[in-house]
C-alpha atoms as a PDB file:
ATOM      1  CA  MET A   1     150.364  67.035 201.966  1.00  0.00           C
ATOM      2  CA  PRO A   2     150.339  69.584 199.101  1.00  0.00           C
ATOM      3  CA  THR A   3     151.249  73.117 200.065  1.00  0.00           C
ATOM      4  CA  ASN A   4     148.581  75.789 199.957  1.00  0.00           C
ATOM      5  CA  THR A   5     149.248  78.276 197.178  1.00  0.00           C
ATOM      6  CA  ALA A   6     146.407  80.593 196.213  1.00  0.00           C
ATOM      7  CA  GLY A   7     146.153  84.056 194.738  1.00  0.00           C
ATOM      8  CA  PRO A   8     143.937  86.959 195.839  1.00  0.00           C
ATOM      9  CA  GLU A   9     140.156  86.787 195.665  1.00  0.00           C
ATOM     10  CA  ILE A  10     138.636  88.618 192.692  1.00  0.00           C
ATOM     11  CA  PRO A  11     134.893  89.433 192.521  1.00  0.00           C
ATOM     12  CA  TYR A  12     133.303  87.742 189.518  1.00  0.00           C
ATOM     13  CA  THR A  13     130.258  88.589 187.431  1.00  0.00           C
ATOM     14  CA  ILE A  14     128.956  86.248 184.752  1.00  0.00           C
ATOM     15  CA  ASN A  15     129.040  88.211 181.514  1.00  0.00           C
ATOM     16  CA  VAL A  16     128.631  86.176 178.349  1.00  0.00           C
ATOM     17  CA  THR A  17     129.523  88.439 175.424  1.00  0.00           C
ATOM     18  CA  GLU A  18     127.164  89.375 172.618  1.00  0.00           C
ATOM     19  CA  GLU A  19     129.613  87.659 170.272  1.00  0.00           C
ATOM     20  CA  GLU A  20     129.235  84.354 172.140  1.00  0.00           C
ATOM     21  CA  LEU A  21     125.460  84.724 172.192  1.00  0.00           C
ATOM     22  CA  GLY A  22     125.452  85.496 168.492  1.00  0.00           C
ATOM     23  CA  LEU A  23     127.533  82.416 167.721  1.00  0.00           C
ATOM     24  CA  LEU A  24     125.123  80.227 169.663  1.00  0.00           C
ATOM     25  CA  LYS A  25     122.171  81.744 167.800  1.00  0.00           C
ATOM     26  CA  LYS A  26     123.840  81.071 164.441  1.00  0.00           C
ATOM     27  CA  LYS A  27     124.461  77.444 165.379  1.00  0.00           C
ATOM     28  CA  LEU A  28     120.857  77.050 166.489  1.00  0.00           C
ATOM     29  CA  GLU A  29     119.559  78.619 163.274  1.00  0.00           C
ATOM     30  CA  LEU A  30     121.536  76.063 161.241  1.00  0.00           C
ATOM     31  CA  LEU A  31     119.669  73.203 162.891  1.00  0.00           C
ATOM     32  CA  THR A  32     116.798  71.913 160.799  1.00  0.00           C
ATOM     33  CA  ASP A  33     116.330  68.601 162.613  1.00  0.00           C
ATOM     34  CA  ALA A  34     116.677  68.157 166.349  1.00  0.00           C
ATOM     35  CA  GLY A  35     117.269  64.458 165.836  1.00  0.00           C
ATOM     36  CA  SER A  36     116.316  61.675 168.205  1.00  0.00           C
ATOM     37  CA  ASP A  37     119.619  59.939 168.849  1.00  0.00           C
ATOM     38  CA  TYR A  38     120.174  61.325 172.321  1.00  0.00           C
ATOM     39  CA  GLY A  39     117.573  59.428 174.349  1.00  0.00           C
ATOM     40  CA  ALA A  40     115.276  62.408 175.011  1.00  0.00           C
ATOM     41  CA  PRO A  41     111.738  62.669 173.562  1.00  0.00           C
ATOM     42  CA  LEU A  42     111.927  64.384 170.182  1.00  0.00           C
ATOM     43  CA  VAL A  43     108.920  66.622 170.824  1.00  0.00           C
ATOM     44  CA  ASP A  44     110.489  67.938 174.031  1.00  0.00           C
ATOM     45  CA  ILE A  45     113.796  68.695 172.344  1.00  0.00           C
ATOM     46  CA  GLU A  46     112.076  70.479 169.463  1.00  0.00           C
ATOM     47  CA  LYS A  47     110.180  72.699 171.932  1.00  0.00           C
ATOM     48  CA  LEU A  48     113.345  73.471 173.890  1.00  0.00           C
ATOM     49  CA  VAL A  49     115.347  74.246 170.747  1.00  0.00           C
ATOM     50  CA  ALA A  50     112.576  76.590 169.575  1.00  0.00           C
ATOM     51  CA  ARG A  51     112.624  78.321 172.958  1.00  0.00           C
ATOM     52  CA  TRP A  52     116.432  78.560 172.895  1.00  0.00           C
ATOM     53  CA  LYS A  53     116.306  80.102 169.403  1.00  0.00           C
ATOM     54  CA  GLY A  54     113.783  82.749 170.367  1.00  0.00           C
ATOM     55  CA  GLY A  55     112.212  83.701 173.669  1.00  0.00           C
ATOM     56  CA  TYR A  56     114.860  82.475 176.082  1.00  0.00           C
ATOM     57  CA  ASP A  57     116.747  85.460 177.448  1.00  0.00           C
ATOM     58  CA  TRP A  58     120.145  84.348 178.760  1.00  0.00           C
ATOM     59  CA  LYS A  59     121.032  87.864 179.872  1.00  0.00           C
ATOM     60  CA  LYS A  60     117.954  87.931 182.115  1.00  0.00           C
ATOM     61  CA  HIS A  61     118.926  84.697 183.823  1.00  0.00           C
ATOM     62  CA  GLU A  62     122.579  85.725 183.931  1.00  0.00           C
ATOM     63  CA  ALA A  63     121.559  88.859 185.839  1.00  0.00           C
ATOM     64  CA  ILE A  64     119.461  86.809 188.268  1.00  0.00           C
ATOM     65  CA  LEU A  65     122.382  84.461 188.972  1.00  0.00           C
ATOM     66  CA  ASN A  66     124.700  87.420 189.537  1.00  0.00           C
ATOM     67  CA  ALA A  67     122.213  89.020 191.919  1.00  0.00           C
ATOM     68  CA  GLU A  68     121.539  85.858 193.927  1.00  0.00           C
ATOM     69  CA  LEU A  69     125.009  84.334 194.125  1.00  0.00           C
ATOM     70  CA  PRO A  70     128.102  86.237 195.347  1.00  0.00           C
ATOM     71  CA  GLN A  71     130.787  84.960 192.989  1.00  0.00           C
ATOM     72  CA  PHE A  72     134.561  85.182 192.915  1.00  0.00           C
ATOM     73  CA  THR A  73     137.603  83.733 191.202  1.00  0.00           C
ATOM     74  CA  ARG A  74     141.004  82.894 192.599  1.00  0.00           C
ATOM     75  CA  MET A  75     144.154  81.398 191.118  1.00  0.00           C
ATOM     76  CA  ILE A  76     145.017  78.139 192.879  1.00  0.00           C
ATOM     77  CA  ALA A  77     148.234  76.224 192.299  1.00  0.00           C
ATOM     78  CA  ILE A  78     147.766  72.466 192.069  1.00  0.00           C
ATOM     79  CA  ASP A  79     150.842  70.319 192.668  1.00  0.00           C
ATOM     80  CA  GLY A  80     152.157  69.135 189.322  1.00  0.00           C
ATOM     81  CA  PHE A  81     149.490  70.919 187.275  1.00  0.00           C
ATOM     82  CA  GLY A  82     150.244  74.624 187.601  1.00  0.00           C
ATOM     83  CA  GLU A  83     147.687  77.307 188.411  1.00  0.00           C
ATOM     84  CA  LEU A  84     143.968  77.115 187.703  1.00  0.00           C
ATOM     85  CA  ASP A  85     141.534  80.021 187.750  1.00  0.00           C
ATOM     86  CA  ILE A  86     138.794  78.748 190.066  1.00  0.00           C
ATOM     87  CA  HIS A  87     135.288  80.194 190.075  1.00  0.00           C
ATOM     88  CA  TYR A  88     133.246  79.895 193.259  1.00  0.00           C
ATOM     89  CA  VAL A  89     130.261  81.122 195.245  1.00  0.00           C
ATOM     90  CA  HIS A  90     130.935  82.297 198.798  1.00  0.00           C
ATOM     91  CA  LYS A  91     128.260  83.519 201.178  1.00  0.00           C
ATOM     92  CA  GLN A  92     128.715  83.918 204.917  1.00  0.00           C
ATOM     93  CA  SER A  93     125.973  83.701 207.505  1.00  0.00           C
ATOM     94  CA  GLU A  94     125.489  86.647 209.852  1.00  0.00           C
ATOM     95  CA  VAL A  95     126.093  84.141 212.666  1.00  0.00           C
ATOM     96  CA  LYS A  96     129.788  84.486 213.477  1.00  0.00           C
ATOM     97  CA  SER A  97     130.059  80.921 214.759  1.00  0.00           C
ATOM     98  CA  ALA A  98     128.417  79.465 211.647  1.00  0.00           C
ATOM     99  CA  ILE A  99     129.849  76.174 210.416  1.00  0.00           C
ATOM    100  CA  PRO A 100     132.039  76.458 207.287  1.00  0.00           C
ATOM    101  CA  LEU A 101     130.593  74.138 204.625  1.00  0.00           C
ATOM    102  CA  LEU A 102     132.077  73.240 201.256  1.00  0.00           C
ATOM    103  CA  PHE A 103     129.472  72.134 198.689  1.00  0.00           C
ATOM    104  CA  VAL A 104     130.689  70.187 195.652  1.00  0.00           C
ATOM    105  CA  HIS A 105     128.386  69.836 192.661  1.00  0.00           C
ATOM    106  CA  GLY A 106     127.936  66.779 190.470  1.00  0.00           C
ATOM    107  CA  TRP A 107     127.256  66.042 186.807  1.00  0.00           C
ATOM    108  CA  PRO A 108     125.423  67.235 184.795  1.00  0.00           C
ATOM    109  CA  GLY A 109     125.199  70.053 187.273  1.00  0.00           C
ATOM    110  CA  SER A 110     127.346  73.030 188.157  1.00  0.00           C
ATOM    111  CA  PHE A 111     127.618  75.697 190.842  1.00  0.00           C
ATOM    112  CA  ILE A 112     123.930  76.433 190.123  1.00  0.00           C
ATOM    113  CA  GLU A 113     123.046  73.425 192.283  1.00  0.00           C
ATOM    114  CA  VAL A 114     123.779  75.474 195.413  1.00  0.00           C
ATOM    115  CA  ARG A 115     121.278  78.146 194.414  1.00  0.00           C
ATOM    116  CA  LYS A 116     118.216  76.891 196.320  1.00  0.00           C
ATOM    117  CA  ILE A 117     119.978  75.604 199.434  1.00  0.00           C
ATOM    118  CA  LEU A 118     122.214  78.655 199.953  1.00  0.00           C
ATOM    119  CA  PRO A 119     119.611  80.946 201.587  1.00  0.00           C
ATOM    120  CA  LEU A 120     118.424  78.074 203.789  1.00  0.00           C
ATOM    121  CA  LEU A 121     121.933  77.180 204.944  1.00  0.00           C
ATOM    122  CA  ILE A 122     122.995  80.701 205.908  1.00  0.00           C
ATOM    123  CA  ALA A 123     119.713  81.567 207.668  1.00  0.00           C
ATOM    124  CA  PRO A 124     120.184  82.337 211.391  1.00  0.00           C
ATOM    125  CA  SER A 125     117.946  80.592 213.897  1.00  0.00           C
ATOM    126  CA  GLU A 126     117.891  79.424 217.488  1.00  0.00           C
ATOM    127  CA  GLU A 127     116.308  76.202 216.216  1.00  0.00           C
ATOM    128  CA  HIS A 128     119.012  75.040 213.820  1.00  0.00           C
ATOM    129  CA  PRO A 129     122.666  75.684 212.954  1.00  0.00           C
ATOM    130  CA  SER A 130     123.784  78.167 210.301  1.00  0.00           C
ATOM    131  CA  PHE A 131     126.549  77.695 207.774  1.00  0.00           C
ATOM    132  CA  HIS A 132     129.113  79.745 205.859  1.00  0.00           C
ATOM    133  CA  VAL A 133     128.801  78.291 202.356  1.00  0.00           C
ATOM    134  CA  VAL A 134     131.403  77.814 199.614  1.00  0.00           C
ATOM    135  CA  ALA A 135     130.525  76.158 196.294  1.00  0.00           C
ATOM    136  CA  PHE A 136     133.146  76.047 193.570  1.00  0.00           C
ATOM    137  CA  SER A 137     132.928  75.172 189.892  1.00  0.00           C
ATOM    138  CA  LEU A 138     134.953  72.029 189.333  1.00  0.00           C
ATOM    139  CA  PRO A 139     137.848  72.647 186.909  1.00  0.00           C
ATOM    140  CA  GLY A 140     136.501  72.225 183.399  1.00  0.00           C
ATOM    141  CA  PHE A 141     132.935  73.007 184.495  1.00  0.00           C
ATOM    142  CA  GLY A 142     131.061  76.297 184.647  1.00  0.00           C
ATOM    143  CA  PHE A 143     133.433  79.229 184.880  1.00  0.00           C
ATOM    144  CA  SER A 144     136.541  77.553 186.289  1.00  0.00           C
ATOM    145  CA  SER A 145     139.428  77.050 183.893  1.00  0.00           C
ATOM    146  CA  ASN A 146     140.156  73.642 182.431  1.00  0.00           C
ATOM    147  CA  PRO A 147     143.213  71.524 183.340  1.00  0.00           C
ATOM    148  CA  THR A 148     145.574  71.395 180.377  1.00  0.00           C
ATOM    149  CA  LYS A 149     147.679  68.471 181.543  1.00  0.00           C
ATOM    150  CA  ARG A 150     146.584  64.846 181.490  1.00  0.00           C
ATOM    151  CA  GLY A 151     146.161  62.987 184.743  1.00  0.00           C
ATOM    152  CA  PHE A 152     144.046  65.560 186.604  1.00  0.00           C
ATOM    153  CA  SER A 153     141.876  63.298 188.739  1.00  0.00           C
ATOM    154  CA  LEU A 154     140.006  62.983 192.023  1.00  0.00           C
ATOM    155  CA  ASP A 155     142.969  63.880 194.213  1.00  0.00           C
ATOM    156  CA  GLN A 156     143.468  67.102 192.269  1.00  0.00           C
ATOM    157  CA  TYR A 157     139.787  68.072 192.404  1.00  0.00           C
ATOM    158  CA  ALA A 158     139.926  67.535 196.163  1.00  0.00           C
ATOM    159  CA  GLU A 159     143.118  69.612 196.356  1.00  0.00           C
ATOM    160  CA  VAL A 160     141.357  72.510 194.631  1.00  0.00           C
ATOM    161  CA  GLY A 161     138.547  72.405 197.168  1.00  0.00           C
ATOM    162  CA  TYR A 162     140.598  72.340 200.326  1.00  0.00           C
ATOM    163  CA  LYS A 163     143.147  74.888 199.090  1.00  0.00           C
ATOM    164  CA  LEU A 164     140.236  77.185 198.345  1.00  0.00           C
ATOM    165  CA  MET A 165     138.853  76.693 201.838  1.00  0.00           C
ATOM    166  CA  LEU A 166     142.256  77.362 203.387  1.00  0.00           C
ATOM    167  CA  ALA A 167     142.624  80.520 201.303  1.00  0.00           C
ATOM    168  CA  LEU A 168     139.240  81.689 202.620  1.00  0.00           C
ATOM    169  CA  GLY A 169     140.417  81.165 206.183  1.00  0.00           C
ATOM    170  CA  TYR A 170     138.493  77.966 206.834  1.00  0.00           C
ATOM    171  CA  ASN A 171     141.173  75.663 208.216  1.00  0.00           C
ATOM    172  CA  GLU A 172     138.540  73.174 209.377  1.00  0.00           C
ATOM    173  CA  TYR A 173     135.126  72.642 207.823  1.00  0.00           C
ATOM    174  CA  VAL A 174     132.416  70.161 206.849  1.00  0.00           C
ATOM    175  CA  THR A 175     131.369  69.115 203.355  1.00  0.00           C
ATOM    176  CA  GLN A 176     128.330  68.096 201.326  1.00  0.00           C
ATOM    177  CA  GLY A 177     128.082  66.679 197.829  1.00  0.00           C
ATOM    178  CA  GLY A 178     126.421  64.126 195.599  1.00  0.00           C
ATOM    179  CA  ASP A 179     127.482  62.374 192.399  1.00  0.00           C
ATOM    180  CA  TRP A 180     131.126  63.359 191.763  1.00  0.00           C
ATOM    181  CA  GLY A 181     131.068  65.394 194.940  1.00  0.00           C
ATOM    182  CA  TYR A 182     130.797  62.092 196.800  1.00  0.00           C
ATOM    183  CA  HIS A 183     134.016  60.733 195.264  1.00  0.00           C
ATOM    184  CA  ILE A 184     135.919  63.996 195.652  1.00  0.00           C
ATOM    185  CA  LEU A 185     134.942  64.742 199.233  1.00  0.00           C
ATOM    186  CA  ARG A 186     136.134  61.370 200.504  1.00  0.00           C
ATOM    187  CA  ARG A 187     139.647  62.621 199.846  1.00  0.00           C
ATOM    188  CA  HIS A 188     139.472  65.980 201.598  1.00  0.00           C
ATOM    189  CA  ALA A 189     142.103  67.113 204.053  1.00  0.00           C
ATOM    190  CA  HIS A 190     140.913  69.271 206.982  1.00  0.00           C
ATOM    191  CA  ASN A 191     137.384  67.911 206.498  1.00  0.00           C
ATOM    192  CA  LYS A 192     135.846  67.319 209.945  1.00  0.00           C
ATOM    193  CA  ALA A 193     132.686  65.553 208.738  1.00  0.00           C
ATOM    194  CA  TRP A 194     130.881  64.999 205.457  1.00  0.00           C
ATOM    195  CA  HIS A 195     127.388  64.352 204.178  1.00  0.00           C
ATOM    196  CA  THR A 196     126.238  62.940 200.849  1.00  0.00           C
ATOM    197  CA  ASN A 197     122.951  62.317 199.070  1.00  0.00           C
ATOM    198  CA  TYR A 198     124.736  59.743 196.892  1.00  0.00           C
ATOM    199  CA  PRO A 199     125.585  56.774 199.142  1.00  0.00           C
ATOM    200  CA  HIS A 200     127.702  54.597 196.934  1.00  0.00           C
ATOM    201  CA  ALA A 201     129.809  51.479 197.197  1.00  0.00           C
ATOM    202  CA  ARG A 202     131.722  51.645 193.921  1.00  0.00           C
ATOM    203  CA  ARG A 203     135.323  52.754 193.800  1.00  0.00           C
ATOM    204  CA  TYR A 204     136.453  55.244 191.149  1.00  0.00           C
ATOM    205  CA  GLU A 205     139.947  56.514 190.522  1.00  0.00           C
ATOM    206  CA  GLY A 206     139.993  58.345 187.214  1.00  0.00           C
ATOM    207  CA  HIS A 207     139.260  61.706 185.656  1.00  0.00           C
ATOM    208  CA  PHE A 208     135.562  62.124 184.914  1.00  0.00           C
ATOM    209  CA  THR A 209     134.862  63.257 181.383  1.00  0.00           C
ATOM    210  CA  GLU A 210     131.847  62.918 179.122  1.00  0.00           C
ATOM    211  CA  ARG A 211     131.562  63.305 175.337  1.00  0.00           C
ATOM    212  CA  TYR A 212     129.552  66.408 174.481  1.00  0.00           C
ATOM    213  CA  ASP A 213     128.279  67.056 170.995  1.00  0.00           C
ATOM    214  CA  THR A 214     129.830  70.152 169.391  1.00  0.00           C
ATOM    215  CA  LEU A 215     126.367  71.373 168.367  1.00  0.00           C
ATOM    216  CA  PRO A 216     124.140  72.975 170.987  1.00  0.00           C
ATOM    217  CA  VAL A 217     121.238  70.620 170.257  1.00  0.00           C
ATOM    218  CA  GLY A 218     123.448  67.645 171.108  1.00  0.00           C
ATOM    219  CA  LEU A 219     124.421  69.160 174.436  1.00  0.00           C
ATOM    220  CA  LEU A 220     120.805  70.119 175.146  1.00  0.00           C
ATOM    221  CA  SER A 221     119.444  66.687 174.248  1.00  0.00           C
ATOM    222  CA  TRP A 222     121.982  64.807 176.287  1.00  0.00           C
ATOM    223  CA  ILE A 223     121.727  66.894 179.451  1.00  0.00           C
ATOM    224  CA  TYR A 224     117.933  67.209 179.241  1.00  0.00           C
ATOM    225  CA  GLU A 225     117.595  63.436 179.138  1.00  0.00           C
ATOM    226  CA  LYS A 226     119.645  63.185 182.346  1.00  0.00           C
ATOM    227  CA  LEU A 227     117.705  65.972 184.079  1.00  0.00           C
ATOM    228  CA  VAL A 228     114.382  64.265 183.368  1.00  0.00           C
ATOM    229  CA  ASN A 229     115.348  60.631 183.913  1.00  0.00           C
ATOM    230  CA  TRP A 230     117.553  61.194 186.967  1.00  0.00           C
ATOM    231  CA  SER A 231     115.065  63.339 188.898  1.00  0.00           C
ATOM    232  CA  ASP A 232     111.884  62.281 190.670  1.00  0.00           C
ATOM    233  CA  ASP A 233     109.189  63.781 188.419  1.00  0.00           C
ATOM    234  CA  TYR A 234     110.631  67.246 189.051  1.00  0.00           C
ATOM    235  CA  PRO A 235     108.666  69.796 186.959  1.00  0.00           C
ATOM    236  CA  TRP A 236     111.527  71.220 184.895  1.00  0.00           C
ATOM    237  CA  GLU A 237     110.591  74.536 183.291  1.00  0.00           C
ATOM    238  CA  GLU A 238     111.965  75.291 179.832  1.00  0.00           C
ATOM    239  CA  ASP A 239     114.015  78.297 180.945  1.00  0.00           C
ATOM    240  CA  GLU A 240     115.287  76.329 183.936  1.00  0.00           C
ATOM    241  CA  VAL A 241     116.637  73.593 181.634  1.00  0.00           C
ATOM    242  CA  LEU A 242     118.103  76.115 179.210  1.00  0.00           C
ATOM    243  CA  THR A 243     119.916  77.969 181.998  1.00  0.00           C
ATOM    244  CA  TRP A 244     121.523  74.713 183.197  1.00  0.00           C
ATOM    245  CA  VAL A 245     122.537  73.819 179.637  1.00  0.00           C
ATOM    246  CA  SER A 246     123.716  77.342 178.811  1.00  0.00           C
ATOM    247  CA  ILE A 247     126.175  77.274 181.712  1.00  0.00           C
ATOM    248  CA  TYR A 248     127.739  74.210 180.086  1.00  0.00           C
ATOM    249  CA  TRP A 249     127.698  75.788 176.629  1.00  0.00           C
ATOM    250  CA  PHE A 250     129.365  78.986 177.818  1.00  0.00           C
ATOM    251  CA  SER A 251     131.807  77.120 180.055  1.00  0.00           C
ATOM    252  CA  ARG A 252     135.292  78.624 180.172  1.00  0.00           C
ATOM    253  CA  SER A 253     136.704  75.191 179.378  1.00  0.00           C
ATOM    254  CA  GLY A 254     134.974  75.136 176.025  1.00  0.00           C
ATOM    255  CA  TYR A 255     132.923  72.291 177.497  1.00  0.00           C
ATOM    256  CA  LYS A 256     134.734  69.865 175.552  1.00  0.00           C
ATOM    257  CA  GLU A 257     136.876  54.622 197.375  1.00  0.00           C
ATOM    258  CA  GLU A 258     139.010  55.375 199.846  1.00  0.00           C
ATOM    259  CA  GLU A 259     138.549  54.780 203.583  1.00  0.00           C
ATOM    260  CA  THR A 260     137.508  57.786 205.631  1.00  0.00           C
ATOM    261  CA  HIS A 261     137.296  57.895 209.382  1.00  0.00           C
ATOM    262  CA  ILE A 262     135.602  61.232 209.979  1.00  0.00           C
ATOM    263  CA  PRO A 263     131.856  61.307 210.805  1.00  0.00           C
ATOM    264  CA  MET A 264     129.720  60.878 207.698  1.00  0.00           C
ATOM    265  CA  GLY A 265     126.026  61.107 206.955  1.00  0.00           C
ATOM    266  CA  TYR A 266     123.848  59.644 204.208  1.00  0.00           C
ATOM    267  CA  SER A 267     120.555  60.886 202.783  1.00  0.00           C
ATOM    268  CA  TYR A 268     118.599  58.423 200.666  1.00  0.00           C
ATOM    269  CA  PHE A 269     116.372  59.614 197.819  1.00  0.00           C
ATOM    270  CA  PRO A 270     114.241  57.011 195.997  1.00  0.00           C
ATOM    271  CA  LYS A 271     115.029  58.085 192.437  1.00  0.00           C
ATOM    272  CA  GLU A 272     118.804  58.324 192.899  1.00  0.00           C
ATOM    273  CA  LEU A 273     120.751  56.510 190.172  1.00  0.00           C
ATOM    274  CA  TRP A 274     122.265  53.917 192.464  1.00  0.00           C
ATOM    275  CA  ARG A 275     120.675  52.331 195.477  1.00  0.00           C
ATOM    276  CA  VAL A 276     122.717  49.569 197.002  1.00  0.00           C
ATOM    277  CA  PRO A 277     121.678  47.477 200.032  1.00  0.00           C
ATOM    278  CA  SER A 278     122.115  49.487 203.226  1.00  0.00           C
ATOM    279  CA  LYS A 279     124.320  46.787 204.755  1.00  0.00           C
ATOM    280  CA  TRP A 280     126.911  47.513 202.049  1.00  0.00           C
ATOM    281  CA  LEU A 281     127.142  51.091 203.290  1.00  0.00           C
ATOM    282  CA  GLN A 282     127.442  50.483 207.006  1.00  0.00           C
ATOM    283  CA  ALA A 283     130.632  51.731 208.608  1.00  0.00           C
ATOM    284  CA  PRO A 284     131.744  52.635 212.130  1.00  0.00           C
ATOM    285  CA  ASN A 285     131.875  56.318 211.203  1.00  0.00           C
ATOM    286  CA  LEU A 286     128.390  56.436 209.625  1.00  0.00           C
ATOM    287  CA  VAL A 287     126.656  58.611 212.212  1.00  0.00           C
ATOM    288  CA  PHE A 288     123.606  59.892 210.339  1.00  0.00           C
ATOM    289  CA  GLU A 289     121.068  58.409 207.917  1.00  0.00           C
ATOM    290  CA  ALA A 290     117.819  59.808 206.553  1.00  0.00           C
ATOM    291  CA  GLU A 291     115.289  58.221 204.212  1.00  0.00           C
ATOM    292  CA  HIS A 292     113.081  60.454 202.064  1.00  0.00           C
ATOM    293  CA  PRO A 293     109.812  59.604 200.276  1.00  0.00           C
ATOM    294  CA  GLU A 294     110.668  61.506 197.105  1.00  0.00           C
ATOM    295  CA  GLY A 295     113.579  63.074 195.299  1.00  0.00           C
ATOM    296  CA  GLY A 296     116.199  62.056 192.764  1.00  0.00           C
ATOM    297  CA  HIS A 297     119.759  62.677 191.620  1.00  0.00           C
ATOM    298  CA  PHE A 298     119.575  66.479 191.876  1.00  0.00           C
ATOM    299  CA  ALA A 299     118.546  66.635 195.533  1.00  0.00           C
ATOM    300  CA  ALA A 300     119.869  70.151 196.200  1.00  0.00           C
ATOM    301  CA  HIS A 301     117.715  71.464 193.340  1.00  0.00           C
ATOM    302  CA  GLU A 302     114.694  69.146 193.593  1.00  0.00           C
ATOM    303  CA  LYS A 303     114.308  68.906 197.363  1.00  0.00           C
ATOM    304  CA  PRO A 304     116.387  71.672 198.996  1.00  0.00           C
ATOM    305  CA  ASP A 305     114.315  71.586 202.200  1.00  0.00           C
ATOM    306  CA  TYR A 306     114.962  67.860 202.689  1.00  0.00           C
ATOM    307  CA  LEU A 307     118.685  68.161 202.101  1.00  0.00           C
ATOM    308  CA  VAL A 308     119.180  71.215 204.282  1.00  0.00           C
ATOM    309  CA  GLY A 309     116.992  69.645 206.961  1.00  0.00           C
ATOM    310  CA  ASP A 310     119.333  66.658 207.084  1.00  0.00           C
ATOM    311  CA  LEU A 311     122.383  68.895 207.410  1.00  0.00           C
ATOM    312  CA  ARG A 312     120.721  70.795 210.249  1.00  0.00           C
ATOM    313  CA  LYS A 313     119.922  67.528 212.040  1.00  0.00           C
ATOM    314  CA  MET A 314     123.396  66.102 211.541  1.00  0.00           C
ATOM    315  CA  PHE A 315     125.294  69.221 212.632  1.00  0.00           C
ATOM    316  CA  GLY A 316     122.754  70.834 214.962  1.00  0.00           C
ATOM    317  CA  LYS A 317     122.359  70.593 218.719  1.00  0.00           C
ATOM    318  CA  GLY A 318     121.796  66.979 219.691  1.00  0.00           C
ATOM    319  CA  GLY A 319     123.012  65.808 216.300  1.00  0.00           C
ATOM    320  CA  PRO A 320     125.797  63.212 215.926  1.00  0.00           C
ATOM    321  CA  ALA A 321     128.218  65.734 214.406  1.00  0.00           C
ATOM    322  CA  PHE A 322     127.383  68.759 216.545  1.00  0.00           C
ATOM    323  CA  GLY A 323     130.475  70.822 217.377  1.00  0.00           C
ATOM    324  CA  VAL A 324     132.707  68.847 215.026  1.00  0.00           C
ATOM    325  CA  VAL A 325     134.392  72.087 213.879  1.00  0.00           C
ATOM    326  CA  PRO A 326     135.954  73.597 217.022  1.00  0.00           C
ATOM    327  CA  GLY A 327     134.414  76.968 217.908  1.00  0.00           C
ATOM    328  CA  LYS A 328     131.858  76.735 215.075  1.00  0.00           C
ATOM    329  CA  THR A 329     128.597  75.422 216.459  1.00  0.00           C
ATOM    330  CA  GLY A 330     126.385  77.196 213.944  1.00  0.00           C
ATOM    331  CA  TYR A 331     124.475  79.075 216.644  1.00  0.00           C
ATOM    332  CA  ALA A 332     124.762  82.659 217.797  1.00  0.00           C
ATOM    333  CA  ALA A 333     126.346  83.121 221.192  1.00  0.00           C
ATOM    334  CA  LYS A 334     123.905  84.040 223.956  1.00  0.00           C
END
């Protein structure tokens, strides 16, 4: 098992410089044709590019993110790959016995995926469990630094997550994630139970990378197409899309199935990318399943109430994973 080596926690505030904003504006001004080679409707891309050029205020949305999400960075040493500067959101519930939960985002998402579920998860109640929530930016995404050595794969992403949790004092915890979070969380040490909205039967071993266009319109077109086609008729607002895409553009990286035996839970959303027969997913440790009438690939953003409701049922009183973290029931002591 890799040793835990992590530096001190440093408060973090998103602060894209005026120089970076100016460079983006210059690149956008150079674009005379949005093009239609990215799979997204041309008229939509033209409207979004026009909004990005003038009207969209990144600094406004940057300030909102900073106000809503307590953010930090910490240097974490990964065996064989040196230190990485990891960006993360960390918010504790006022309930002392809240359940520590590590949330891992997918693609094309980022730490912003935790935004809507965070206040629901930490909320105290006698009716449902509360959680201490940690959501980190995967290396190479958002505001975490990028691995510089080849071979950084699922085991290393998992190592980042559990070393971060150990550094925060969470020696045992539960996890939630979809998309790449699903593949990463299956490898977590100290994980007492896990939940996914991406039940999957395909095995993946490699480093996940995607080719991004070096022009902002290419990045916008590609991600927008995924946001629209992979969600369940979610009403994406222009500024909402541009904030998601801007996080990728301003990324610090330059944006360039194993067996588990712990309790696991599955949430099924009808517009998820993959939906395999349920019998393929059955396992002795599958303790929770929930079927939802609507929702797609971005469940934490599209249907936060559904997703959090499933976590409360799985880990709450009477649930199949209640009390899985010793001393952390999620409820205030009476």
